[in-house]
N, C-alpha and C. Protein backbone atom coordinates (compact mmCIF):
# COMPACT_ATOMS: atom_id res chain seq x y z
N MET A 1 -39.71 -24.04 37.46
CA MET A 1 -39.53 -24.99 36.39
C MET A 1 -40.86 -25.53 35.90
N SER A 2 -41.89 -25.19 36.57
CA SER A 2 -43.20 -25.66 36.16
C SER A 2 -43.82 -24.75 35.11
N GLU A 3 -43.05 -23.71 34.71
CA GLU A 3 -43.59 -22.80 33.69
C GLU A 3 -43.64 -23.51 32.34
N ILE A 4 -44.65 -23.21 31.62
CA ILE A 4 -44.80 -23.80 30.29
C ILE A 4 -44.20 -22.81 29.28
N ILE A 5 -43.26 -23.30 28.51
CA ILE A 5 -42.64 -22.46 27.48
C ILE A 5 -43.51 -22.54 26.24
N LYS A 6 -43.94 -21.40 25.82
CA LYS A 6 -44.85 -21.35 24.69
C LYS A 6 -44.08 -20.81 23.48
N ALA A 7 -44.06 -21.55 22.40
CA ALA A 7 -43.38 -21.11 21.19
C ALA A 7 -44.26 -20.09 20.49
N GLU A 8 -43.66 -18.95 20.21
CA GLU A 8 -44.40 -17.91 19.51
C GLU A 8 -43.89 -17.77 18.09
N ALA A 9 -44.76 -17.44 17.22
CA ALA A 9 -44.37 -17.21 15.84
C ALA A 9 -43.66 -15.87 15.76
N ILE A 10 -42.59 -15.83 15.01
CA ILE A 10 -41.84 -14.58 14.86
C ILE A 10 -42.37 -13.86 13.62
N SER A 11 -42.55 -12.59 13.73
CA SER A 11 -43.09 -11.85 12.60
C SER A 11 -42.01 -11.61 11.55
N ARG A 12 -42.46 -11.39 10.34
CA ARG A 12 -41.54 -11.12 9.26
C ARG A 12 -40.71 -9.86 9.53
N ARG A 13 -41.34 -8.87 10.10
CA ARG A 13 -40.67 -7.61 10.39
C ARG A 13 -39.54 -7.82 11.39
N SER A 14 -39.77 -8.55 12.44
CA SER A 14 -38.72 -8.77 13.44
C SER A 14 -37.63 -9.70 12.90
N ALA A 15 -38.00 -10.65 12.03
CA ALA A 15 -37.00 -11.54 11.43
C ALA A 15 -36.08 -10.74 10.52
N CYS A 16 -36.66 -9.86 9.70
CA CYS A 16 -35.83 -9.03 8.81
C CYS A 16 -34.94 -8.10 9.61
N SER A 17 -35.46 -7.57 10.70
CA SER A 17 -34.67 -6.70 11.55
C SER A 17 -33.49 -7.46 12.13
N PHE A 18 -33.73 -8.67 12.61
CA PHE A 18 -32.68 -9.49 13.18
C PHE A 18 -31.60 -9.82 12.14
N PHE A 19 -32.01 -10.24 10.94
CA PHE A 19 -31.05 -10.58 9.90
C PHE A 19 -30.29 -9.35 9.42
N GLY A 20 -30.95 -8.21 9.38
CA GLY A 20 -30.26 -6.97 9.00
C GLY A 20 -29.19 -6.59 9.99
N LYS A 21 -29.51 -6.72 11.27
CA LYS A 21 -28.52 -6.41 12.30
C LYS A 21 -27.36 -7.39 12.25
N ALA A 22 -27.66 -8.66 12.01
CA ALA A 22 -26.60 -9.68 11.91
C ALA A 22 -25.69 -9.40 10.71
N ALA A 23 -26.29 -9.00 9.58
CA ALA A 23 -25.49 -8.70 8.39
C ALA A 23 -24.62 -7.46 8.62
N ALA A 24 -25.16 -6.45 9.26
CA ALA A 24 -24.38 -5.25 9.54
C ALA A 24 -23.21 -5.56 10.47
N PHE A 25 -23.45 -6.40 11.47
CA PHE A 25 -22.39 -6.80 12.38
C PHE A 25 -21.31 -7.59 11.63
N ALA A 26 -21.73 -8.49 10.73
CA ALA A 26 -20.76 -9.28 9.97
C ALA A 26 -19.92 -8.38 9.07
N MET A 27 -20.52 -7.39 8.44
CA MET A 27 -19.77 -6.47 7.58
C MET A 27 -18.76 -5.67 8.39
N ALA A 28 -19.18 -5.18 9.53
CA ALA A 28 -18.28 -4.40 10.37
C ALA A 28 -17.12 -5.26 10.87
N ALA A 29 -17.41 -6.49 11.25
CA ALA A 29 -16.37 -7.38 11.76
C ALA A 29 -15.38 -7.73 10.65
N SER A 30 -15.87 -7.98 9.43
CA SER A 30 -14.96 -8.34 8.34
C SER A 30 -14.11 -7.14 7.92
N ALA A 31 -14.67 -5.93 7.94
CA ALA A 31 -13.89 -4.74 7.60
C ALA A 31 -12.78 -4.51 8.62
N THR A 32 -13.09 -4.74 9.88
CA THR A 32 -12.08 -4.60 10.93
C THR A 32 -10.99 -5.64 10.76
N ALA A 33 -11.34 -6.85 10.41
CA ALA A 33 -10.36 -7.91 10.21
C ALA A 33 -9.46 -7.59 9.02
N LEU A 34 -10.01 -7.00 7.96
CA LEU A 34 -9.19 -6.64 6.80
C LEU A 34 -8.19 -5.54 7.15
N VAL A 35 -8.60 -4.57 7.94
CA VAL A 35 -7.70 -3.48 8.32
C VAL A 35 -6.56 -4.01 9.16
N VAL A 36 -6.86 -4.89 10.09
CA VAL A 36 -5.84 -5.47 10.95
C VAL A 36 -4.88 -6.31 10.13
N ALA A 37 -5.38 -7.08 9.16
CA ALA A 37 -4.53 -7.96 8.37
C ALA A 37 -3.63 -7.17 7.42
N SER A 38 -4.05 -6.01 6.94
CA SER A 38 -3.25 -5.27 5.98
C SER A 38 -2.05 -4.58 6.63
N ASP A 39 -2.04 -4.44 7.94
CA ASP A 39 -0.92 -3.82 8.62
C ASP A 39 0.21 -4.80 8.93
N ALA A 40 0.06 -6.04 8.50
CA ALA A 40 1.05 -7.07 8.81
C ALA A 40 2.34 -6.82 8.02
N GLU A 41 3.45 -7.09 8.64
CA GLU A 41 4.76 -6.98 8.00
C GLU A 41 5.16 -8.35 7.47
N ALA A 42 6.19 -8.35 6.62
CA ALA A 42 6.69 -9.61 6.09
C ALA A 42 7.27 -10.44 7.23
N GLN A 43 6.91 -11.70 7.27
CA GLN A 43 7.33 -12.55 8.37
C GLN A 43 8.41 -13.54 7.95
N THR A 44 8.57 -13.81 6.67
CA THR A 44 9.49 -14.85 6.25
C THR A 44 10.79 -14.24 5.75
N ALA A 45 11.83 -15.07 5.75
CA ALA A 45 13.13 -14.61 5.25
C ALA A 45 13.06 -14.32 3.76
N GLY A 46 12.26 -15.10 3.03
CA GLY A 46 12.12 -14.87 1.60
C GLY A 46 11.50 -13.52 1.29
N MET A 47 10.50 -13.14 2.06
CA MET A 47 9.86 -11.84 1.83
C MET A 47 10.81 -10.71 2.18
N THR A 48 11.61 -10.88 3.21
CA THR A 48 12.58 -9.85 3.58
C THR A 48 13.62 -9.68 2.47
N ARG A 49 14.10 -10.80 1.93
CA ARG A 49 15.07 -10.72 0.82
C ARG A 49 14.46 -10.02 -0.38
N ARG A 50 13.21 -10.35 -0.66
CA ARG A 50 12.52 -9.73 -1.80
C ARG A 50 12.42 -8.21 -1.61
N GLN A 51 12.08 -7.79 -0.41
CA GLN A 51 11.98 -6.35 -0.15
C GLN A 51 13.33 -5.67 -0.28
N ASP A 52 14.40 -6.34 0.17
CA ASP A 52 15.75 -5.77 0.03
C ASP A 52 16.14 -5.64 -1.43
N ARG A 53 15.86 -6.68 -2.23
CA ARG A 53 16.18 -6.60 -3.65
C ARG A 53 15.40 -5.49 -4.33
N ARG A 54 14.14 -5.34 -3.95
CA ARG A 54 13.31 -4.30 -4.55
C ARG A 54 13.85 -2.92 -4.20
N ALA A 55 14.26 -2.73 -2.95
CA ALA A 55 14.81 -1.43 -2.55
C ALA A 55 16.08 -1.14 -3.33
N GLY A 56 16.91 -2.16 -3.54
CA GLY A 56 18.13 -1.97 -4.33
C GLY A 56 17.82 -1.59 -5.76
N ARG A 57 16.81 -2.22 -6.34
CA ARG A 57 16.43 -1.87 -7.72
C ARG A 57 15.97 -0.42 -7.81
N HIS A 58 15.20 0.01 -6.82
CA HIS A 58 14.73 1.40 -6.83
C HIS A 58 15.90 2.38 -6.72
N GLU A 59 16.86 2.07 -5.87
CA GLU A 59 18.03 2.96 -5.73
C GLU A 59 18.81 3.03 -7.04
N ARG A 60 19.06 1.87 -7.66
CA ARG A 60 19.82 1.86 -8.92
C ARG A 60 19.06 2.60 -10.01
N ARG A 61 17.74 2.43 -10.06
CA ARG A 61 16.93 3.13 -11.06
C ARG A 61 17.02 4.64 -10.87
N ASN A 62 16.95 5.10 -9.63
CA ASN A 62 17.05 6.54 -9.37
C ASN A 62 18.42 7.07 -9.75
N GLU A 63 19.49 6.28 -9.50
CA GLU A 63 20.84 6.71 -9.89
C GLU A 63 20.93 6.83 -11.41
N ARG A 64 20.37 5.87 -12.14
CA ARG A 64 20.40 5.95 -13.61
C ARG A 64 19.64 7.17 -14.10
N ARG A 65 18.48 7.43 -13.53
CA ARG A 65 17.69 8.59 -13.96
C ARG A 65 18.44 9.88 -13.69
N THR A 66 19.05 9.98 -12.51
CA THR A 66 19.81 11.20 -12.19
C THR A 66 20.96 11.38 -13.16
N GLY A 67 21.67 10.28 -13.46
CA GLY A 67 22.78 10.36 -14.41
C GLY A 67 22.32 10.81 -15.78
N ARG A 68 21.23 10.24 -16.25
CA ARG A 68 20.71 10.64 -17.56
C ARG A 68 20.33 12.11 -17.58
N THR A 69 19.69 12.57 -16.51
CA THR A 69 19.27 13.96 -16.43
C THR A 69 20.49 14.88 -16.44
N ASP A 70 21.53 14.52 -15.69
CA ASP A 70 22.75 15.34 -15.65
C ASP A 70 23.41 15.40 -17.03
N ARG A 71 23.51 14.24 -17.69
CA ARG A 71 24.15 14.22 -19.01
C ARG A 71 23.34 15.02 -20.02
N ARG A 72 22.03 14.90 -19.96
CA ARG A 72 21.16 15.65 -20.87
C ARG A 72 21.31 17.15 -20.64
N GLU A 73 21.34 17.56 -19.37
CA GLU A 73 21.50 18.98 -19.04
C GLU A 73 22.84 19.49 -19.53
N GLU A 74 23.88 18.69 -19.39
CA GLU A 74 25.22 19.11 -19.84
C GLU A 74 25.25 19.25 -21.35
N ARG A 75 24.62 18.34 -22.07
CA ARG A 75 24.58 18.45 -23.53
C ARG A 75 23.83 19.70 -23.97
N ARG A 76 22.75 20.02 -23.31
CA ARG A 76 21.92 21.14 -23.75
C ARG A 76 22.50 22.49 -23.39
N THR A 77 23.06 22.62 -22.20
CA THR A 77 23.50 23.94 -21.74
C THR A 77 25.01 24.06 -21.59
N GLY A 78 25.71 22.96 -21.56
CA GLY A 78 27.14 23.01 -21.34
C GLY A 78 27.50 23.01 -19.86
N THR A 79 26.53 23.08 -19.00
CA THR A 79 26.78 23.03 -17.55
C THR A 79 25.89 21.96 -16.95
N THR A 80 26.25 21.54 -15.77
CA THR A 80 25.45 20.54 -15.08
C THR A 80 24.95 21.12 -13.77
N THR A 81 23.73 20.78 -13.41
CA THR A 81 23.16 21.28 -12.16
C THR A 81 22.88 20.14 -11.20
N GLY A 82 23.14 18.92 -11.62
CA GLY A 82 22.81 17.76 -10.78
C GLY A 82 23.90 17.45 -9.79
N THR A 83 23.86 16.25 -9.27
CA THR A 83 24.80 15.82 -8.24
C THR A 83 25.97 15.05 -8.83
N GLY A 84 26.05 14.98 -10.15
CA GLY A 84 27.13 14.24 -10.80
C GLY A 84 28.47 14.93 -10.63
N THR A 85 29.55 14.26 -11.11
CA THR A 85 30.89 14.81 -10.97
C THR A 85 31.42 15.38 -12.27
N ALA A 86 30.53 15.69 -13.19
CA ALA A 86 30.95 16.22 -14.49
C ALA A 86 31.48 17.65 -14.31
N THR A 87 32.45 18.01 -15.15
CA THR A 87 33.00 19.36 -15.09
C THR A 87 32.15 20.29 -15.92
N THR A 88 32.16 21.55 -15.57
CA THR A 88 31.39 22.53 -16.32
C THR A 88 32.28 23.15 -17.38
N THR A 89 31.73 23.37 -18.53
CA THR A 89 32.46 24.01 -19.61
C THR A 89 31.71 25.24 -20.03
N SER A 90 32.43 26.21 -20.52
CA SER A 90 31.77 27.43 -20.94
C SER A 90 31.18 27.25 -22.31
N ALA A 91 30.10 27.93 -22.57
CA ALA A 91 29.43 27.84 -23.85
C ALA A 91 30.27 28.55 -24.91
N PRO A 92 30.31 28.04 -26.13
CA PRO A 92 31.10 28.70 -27.19
C PRO A 92 30.55 30.08 -27.50
N LYS A 93 31.48 31.01 -27.79
CA LYS A 93 31.09 32.40 -28.06
C LYS A 93 30.94 32.68 -29.53
């Protein structure tokens, strides 16, 4: 304990090196935190309801698109190739 602690001046080169390493560590830590946070699932009942409504909208939209495609195909060719329940008719001769 009788040692005398002598304050030394830090060089610009070593200070820049230290700050560069600190900045690189901060960037890596923040990138890791962002990746972990983006994997989070909805935690609230409101978010769950919203996701359910959105899934329902997507299903209804796909059904409308399929129906339109089937009707369009039937108008153009007289037959349907989709999953609809329309009857096939023969083309006029």
